[in-house]
Amino acid sequence: MTRISQISMQNSYHKKMKKCFNFLFLFFPFTIAAQNNCVVNNQSFQSDEQLFYKIYYNWGAIWLETGEANFTATLIDLNNTKVYHFVGFGATFPKYDWFFKVRDKYESYADTLTLKPLRFIREVNEGSYFAHDDYVFNSKKSKIYTAELRNKKSLKLDSMKLQACTNDVLTAISYARCLDFSLYKPNDTIPITFVLDGKTYPSYMRYVGKEIIKTELFGTIRCIKFCPKLIDGTIFKSGEAMTVWATDDKNKIPVYVETSITVGSIKVKLIKFSGLRNKIDCVIPIKK
């Protein structure tokens, strides 16, 4: 193989790896839905919950286990008030760092009663690309105050309108898990709104219904199934090319995700968890 071919192959791989890790933190916001004016009753998670995932990328006929991610929820004091602190972290495995190193961290602070975001912080390190975002949500003024830093550019301070029912990446996960899906019928579309990269995105998710799937962690399990509409101009193919399965119980944990991207496809699998609020009671026992 010539040096030019090696460089071309490596650059192609870099782009694919970046898409793989951008994907994990982008798919979750699409699973939030507006319900009863954004009021939910949290019976799904508690402080000290941890979820661990493996990420797989399909390159031709090969599925590569390229990285991992984890999500945690804790209660902390912020300005003398108890708030939820959500943290999401994703990284390539060290053996892939030579090709494309990823270390992404997302943090969100949310009201414990409404789960509305109070502050959102994102730090992205992907190859030679660096981004740091710090958003403060002011519901009284209906404003989001943003501070954004990209590579060696100067810090950009700005603000944007805070629309009703708008979430950040991590509060969207928690909010979606608190929804009462018994209110929806298969094929219902549910409007959604989320903020990312200084923009507000309106979209929807399609509630497909219930489905039984097999997983490595649980065996056969009953799940809630979604197909979110993806936004034009992202790394994804526009439309409903993504499918998400979450446990069909009070926890509503995302256990498996499939999606097509512009080049290839991705799978995300739950591999470990701790600190759940409720017992997993949607596993189908093996018949003897």
Protein backbone atom coordinates (compact mmCIF):
# COMPACT_ATOMS: atom_id res chain seq x y z
CA MET A 1 0.00 0.00 0.00
CA THR A 2 1.40 3.42 -0.96
CA ARG A 3 1.89 6.22 1.56
CA ILE A 4 -0.89 8.24 -0.14
CA SER A 5 -3.30 5.29 0.19
CA GLN A 6 -2.40 4.89 3.87
CA ILE A 7 -3.07 8.57 4.57
CA SER A 8 -6.37 8.46 2.67
CA MET A 9 -7.45 5.35 4.56
CA GLN A 10 -6.48 6.88 7.91
CA ASN A 11 -8.34 10.13 7.19
CA SER A 12 -11.44 8.15 6.24
CA TYR A 13 -11.18 6.18 9.48
CA HIS A 14 -10.80 9.40 11.50
CA LYS A 15 -14.06 10.76 10.08
CA LYS A 16 -15.91 7.55 10.83
CA MET A 17 -14.63 7.37 14.40
CA LYS A 18 -15.65 10.98 15.02
CA LYS A 19 -19.15 10.22 13.73
CA CYS A 20 -19.34 7.20 16.01
CA PHE A 21 -18.71 9.19 19.16
CA ASN A 22 -20.71 12.23 18.17
CA PHE A 23 -23.58 9.82 17.66
CA LEU A 24 -23.78 8.57 21.23
CA PHE A 25 -24.36 11.98 22.75
CA LEU A 26 -26.60 13.16 19.93
CA PHE A 27 -29.11 10.36 19.81
CA PHE A 28 -30.39 10.79 23.35
CA PRO A 29 -31.88 14.28 22.92
CA PHE A 30 -34.20 12.99 20.25
CA THR A 31 -35.95 10.75 22.76
CA ILE A 32 -37.53 13.57 24.78
CA ALA A 33 -41.22 14.31 24.32
CA ALA A 34 -43.54 17.06 25.50
CA GLN A 35 -46.15 15.75 27.92
CA ASN A 36 -48.62 17.64 30.12
CA ASN A 37 -46.76 20.95 29.62
CA CYS A 38 -43.43 19.31 30.43
CA VAL A 39 -44.51 18.19 33.90
CA VAL A 40 -43.33 14.69 34.79
CA ASN A 41 -43.25 12.58 37.92
CA ASN A 42 -39.86 10.96 38.42
CA GLN A 43 -40.32 7.34 39.42
CA SER A 44 -37.56 6.11 37.08
CA PHE A 45 -34.15 7.03 38.51
CA GLN A 46 -32.40 8.16 41.67
CA SER A 47 -29.09 9.55 42.84
CA ASP A 48 -26.00 7.37 42.30
CA GLU A 49 -27.40 5.55 39.27
CA GLN A 50 -24.72 4.50 36.73
CA LEU A 51 -25.16 3.16 33.19
CA PHE A 52 -22.30 1.75 31.08
CA TYR A 53 -22.33 1.21 27.30
CA LYS A 54 -20.13 -0.24 24.54
CA ILE A 55 -20.11 1.36 21.09
CA TYR A 56 -19.74 -0.65 17.88
CA TYR A 57 -19.07 0.72 14.40
CA ASN A 58 -19.66 -1.20 11.20
CA TRP A 59 -16.85 -0.75 8.71
CA GLY A 60 -17.65 -2.80 5.63
CA ALA A 61 -18.33 -6.35 6.79
CA ILE A 62 -16.60 -5.85 10.15
CA TRP A 63 -18.14 -4.71 13.44
CA LEU A 64 -15.51 -2.89 15.50
CA GLU A 65 -15.86 -2.40 19.26
CA THR A 66 -14.52 1.14 19.13
CA GLY A 67 -15.29 2.68 22.49
CA GLU A 68 -17.41 3.06 25.58
CA ALA A 69 -19.59 5.54 27.39
CA ASN A 70 -21.12 5.95 30.82
CA PHE A 71 -23.83 8.06 32.39
CA THR A 72 -24.26 8.93 36.07
CA ALA A 73 -26.83 10.80 38.16
CA THR A 74 -26.08 12.28 41.59
CA LEU A 75 -27.60 14.84 43.96
CA ILE A 76 -25.36 17.81 44.80
CA ASP A 77 -25.63 21.28 46.35
CA LEU A 78 -25.73 24.18 43.89
CA ASN A 79 -26.20 27.66 45.36
CA ASN A 80 -27.52 26.07 48.57
CA THR A 81 -30.11 24.05 46.65
CA LYS A 82 -30.19 20.32 45.95
CA VAL A 83 -30.00 19.65 42.21
CA TYR A 84 -29.39 16.68 39.98
CA HIS A 85 -25.92 16.47 38.45
CA PHE A 86 -25.92 14.35 35.30
CA VAL A 87 -22.59 13.38 33.70
CA GLY A 88 -21.98 11.58 30.42
CA PHE A 89 -18.53 10.51 29.26
CA GLY A 90 -17.46 8.83 26.02
CA ALA A 91 -14.03 7.72 24.81
CA THR A 92 -12.30 5.61 22.25
CA PHE A 93 -10.38 2.62 23.50
CA PRO A 94 -6.63 3.36 23.82
CA LYS A 95 -5.79 1.00 20.96
CA TYR A 96 -7.71 3.34 18.61
CA ASP A 97 -6.23 6.59 19.92
CA TRP A 98 -3.43 6.38 17.35
CA PHE A 99 -6.07 6.70 14.64
CA PHE A 100 -8.48 9.10 16.31
CA LYS A 101 -8.53 9.95 20.00
CA VAL A 102 -11.87 10.89 21.58
CA ARG A 103 -12.50 12.12 25.11
CA ASP A 104 -15.93 13.78 25.39
CA LYS A 105 -17.60 14.88 28.61
CA TYR A 106 -21.09 16.28 29.09
CA GLU A 107 -22.49 17.69 32.35
CA SER A 108 -25.91 19.00 33.26
CA TYR A 109 -27.43 20.49 36.41
CA ALA A 110 -31.20 20.16 36.72
CA ASP A 111 -34.07 21.02 39.04
CA THR A 112 -34.98 17.94 41.07
CA LEU A 113 -38.73 18.51 40.75
CA THR A 114 -39.18 19.60 37.12
CA LEU A 115 -35.92 18.19 35.65
CA LYS A 116 -35.57 21.45 33.73
CA PRO A 117 -31.93 22.29 32.93
CA LEU A 118 -30.15 24.93 34.98
CA ARG A 119 -26.67 24.64 33.47
CA PHE A 120 -25.11 22.56 30.71
CA ILE A 121 -21.37 22.04 30.13
CA ARG A 122 -19.81 20.20 27.21
CA GLU A 123 -16.12 19.52 26.64
CA VAL A 124 -15.27 17.78 23.38
CA ASN A 125 -11.78 16.54 22.45
CA GLU A 126 -11.80 14.74 19.11
CA GLY A 127 -8.50 14.44 17.28
CA SER A 128 -7.31 18.02 16.73
CA TYR A 129 -10.78 19.47 17.40
CA PHE A 130 -11.65 21.03 20.77
CA ALA A 131 -14.94 22.56 21.88
CA HIS A 132 -16.09 23.84 25.26
CA ASP A 133 -19.67 25.03 25.86
CA ASP A 134 -21.17 26.45 29.04
CA TYR A 135 -24.90 27.26 28.93
CA VAL A 136 -26.86 28.83 31.79
CA PHE A 137 -30.66 28.52 31.61
CA ASN A 138 -32.66 31.43 33.05
CA SER A 139 -36.34 30.48 33.03
CA LYS A 140 -37.49 33.80 34.52
CA LYS A 141 -36.01 35.76 31.62
CA SER A 142 -36.61 32.95 29.07
CA LYS A 143 -32.94 33.15 28.11
CA ILE A 144 -30.03 30.76 27.65
CA TYR A 145 -26.70 32.49 28.22
CA THR A 146 -23.98 30.76 26.21
CA ALA A 147 -20.20 30.71 26.39
CA GLU A 148 -18.51 28.81 23.54
CA LEU A 149 -14.86 28.09 22.82
CA ARG A 150 -13.62 26.39 19.65
CA ASN A 151 -9.95 25.38 19.23
CA LYS A 152 -7.81 28.53 19.40
CA LYS A 153 -10.62 31.00 18.66
CA SER A 154 -11.63 33.62 21.21
CA LEU A 155 -14.34 32.89 23.74
CA LYS A 156 -17.76 33.71 22.29
CA LEU A 157 -20.42 35.03 24.69
CA ASP A 158 -24.02 35.19 23.52
CA SER A 159 -27.62 34.44 24.47
CA MET A 160 -30.63 32.77 22.87
CA LYS A 161 -34.33 32.49 23.60
CA LEU A 162 -35.30 29.69 25.97
CA GLN A 163 -38.35 28.07 24.46
CA ALA A 164 -40.86 26.08 26.49
CA CYS A 165 -39.93 22.45 27.14
CA THR A 166 -36.38 22.89 25.86
CA ASN A 167 -33.77 20.50 27.25
CA ASP A 168 -30.06 19.95 26.90
CA VAL A 169 -28.50 16.60 26.01
CA LEU A 170 -28.53 14.98 29.44
CA THR A 171 -31.74 16.35 30.94
CA ALA A 172 -33.50 15.03 27.84
CA ILE A 173 -32.52 11.48 28.75
CA SER A 174 -33.86 11.78 32.28
CA TYR A 175 -37.03 13.58 31.19
CA ALA A 176 -37.83 10.94 28.56
CA ARG A 177 -37.45 8.16 31.12
CA CYS A 178 -40.16 9.77 33.24
CA LEU A 179 -42.80 9.90 30.50
CA ASP A 180 -45.97 7.85 30.77
CA PHE A 181 -45.98 5.92 27.52
CA SER A 182 -49.35 4.39 28.25
CA LEU A 183 -50.75 7.71 27.00
CA TYR A 184 -49.48 7.01 23.49
CA LYS A 185 -50.54 4.60 20.77
CA PRO A 186 -48.19 2.90 18.29
CA ASN A 187 -47.27 5.24 15.43
CA ASP A 188 -48.01 8.40 17.45
CA THR A 189 -45.59 11.23 16.75
CA ILE A 190 -44.56 13.37 19.72
CA PRO A 191 -43.05 16.87 19.21
CA ILE A 192 -39.66 17.52 20.79
CA THR A 193 -37.30 20.48 21.30
CA PHE A 194 -33.62 20.47 22.26
CA VAL A 195 -30.68 22.86 22.24
CA LEU A 196 -27.16 22.10 21.02
CA ASP A 197 -24.32 24.10 19.44
CA GLY A 198 -26.08 27.39 20.08
CA LYS A 199 -29.25 26.40 18.21
CA THR A 200 -32.73 25.22 19.14
CA TYR A 201 -33.97 22.23 17.17
CA PRO A 202 -37.66 21.31 16.82
CA SER A 203 -38.28 17.70 15.87
CA TYR A 204 -40.33 14.67 16.87
CA MET A 205 -40.09 11.04 17.87
CA ARG A 206 -42.33 8.26 16.65
CA TYR A 207 -43.52 5.84 19.31
CA VAL A 208 -43.41 2.45 17.60
CA GLY A 209 -44.78 0.40 20.50
CA LYS A 210 -43.58 -2.60 22.49
CA GLU A 211 -41.16 -5.26 21.27
CA ILE A 212 -39.34 -8.27 22.70
CA ILE A 213 -35.62 -8.41 21.92
CA LYS A 214 -32.63 -10.52 22.95
CA THR A 215 -29.72 -8.85 24.73
CA GLU A 216 -26.37 -10.10 25.99
CA LEU A 217 -26.93 -8.50 29.40
CA PHE A 218 -30.50 -9.53 30.19
CA GLY A 219 -31.35 -12.26 27.76
CA THR A 220 -34.87 -11.88 26.35
CA ILE A 221 -36.50 -8.64 27.47
CA ARG A 222 -39.62 -6.55 26.81
CA CYS A 223 -38.81 -3.08 25.49
CA ILE A 224 -40.36 0.23 24.50
CA LYS A 225 -39.36 1.09 20.91
CA PHE A 226 -38.81 4.54 19.35
CA CYS A 227 -37.87 5.95 15.95
CA PRO A 228 -36.71 9.57 16.27
CA LYS A 229 -36.71 11.92 13.30
CA LEU A 230 -33.13 12.98 12.61
CA ILE A 231 -32.21 16.50 11.59
CA ASP A 232 -30.97 17.33 8.08
CA GLY A 233 -27.34 18.36 8.04
CA THR A 234 -26.22 16.18 10.93
CA ILE A 235 -24.03 13.10 10.61
CA PHE A 236 -27.15 11.00 10.25
CA LYS A 237 -29.30 10.23 7.25
CA SER A 238 -32.40 12.40 7.51
CA GLY A 239 -35.64 10.74 8.48
CA GLU A 240 -36.31 7.90 10.91
CA ALA A 241 -33.15 5.85 10.38
CA MET A 242 -32.55 5.38 14.11
CA THR A 243 -34.22 2.91 16.47
CA VAL A 244 -33.98 2.97 20.27
CA TRP A 245 -35.08 0.20 22.66
CA ALA A 246 -35.61 0.97 26.38
CA THR A 247 -36.69 -1.34 29.19
CA ASP A 248 -40.45 -1.70 29.43
CA ASP A 249 -40.58 -1.06 33.16
CA LYS A 250 -40.38 1.91 35.55
CA ASN A 251 -36.66 2.42 34.86
CA LYS A 252 -36.97 2.93 31.08
CA ILE A 253 -33.23 2.42 30.56
CA PRO A 254 -31.99 2.61 26.95
CA VAL A 255 -30.54 -0.87 26.41
CA TYR A 256 -29.91 -1.00 22.67
CA VAL A 257 -29.66 1.44 19.74
CA GLU A 258 -29.23 0.97 16.01
CA THR A 259 -28.74 3.68 13.42
CA SER A 260 -27.50 4.27 9.91
CA ILE A 261 -25.10 7.16 9.39
CA THR A 262 -23.80 8.74 6.21
CA VAL A 263 -21.13 6.04 5.99
CA GLY A 264 -21.79 2.75 7.75
CA SER A 265 -23.88 2.05 10.83
CA ILE A 266 -23.61 2.01 14.63
CA LYS A 267 -24.81 -0.12 17.52
CA VAL A 268 -24.81 0.87 21.20
CA LYS A 269 -25.32 -1.77 23.91
CA LEU A 270 -25.86 -1.48 27.64
CA ILE A 271 -23.27 -3.70 29.35
CA LYS A 272 -23.51 -2.83 33.06
CA PHE A 273 -25.52 -0.76 35.54
CA SER A 274 -25.82 0.03 39.25
CA GLY A 275 -27.94 2.09 41.62
CA LEU A 276 -31.26 1.61 39.84
CA ARG A 277 -34.33 2.99 41.55
CA ASN A 278 -36.54 0.07 40.53
CA LYS A 279 -36.12 -3.62 39.98
CA ILE A 280 -35.76 -4.71 36.36
CA ASP A 281 -39.02 -6.62 35.90
CA CYS A 282 -39.35 -6.87 32.12
CA VAL A 283 -36.98 -9.82 31.63
CA ILE A 284 -38.72 -12.85 30.16
CA PRO A 285 -37.64 -16.02 32.03
CA ILE A 286 -36.29 -18.96 30.06
CA LYS A 287 -38.78 -21.78 29.79
CA LYS A 288 -37.47 -25.04 31.18
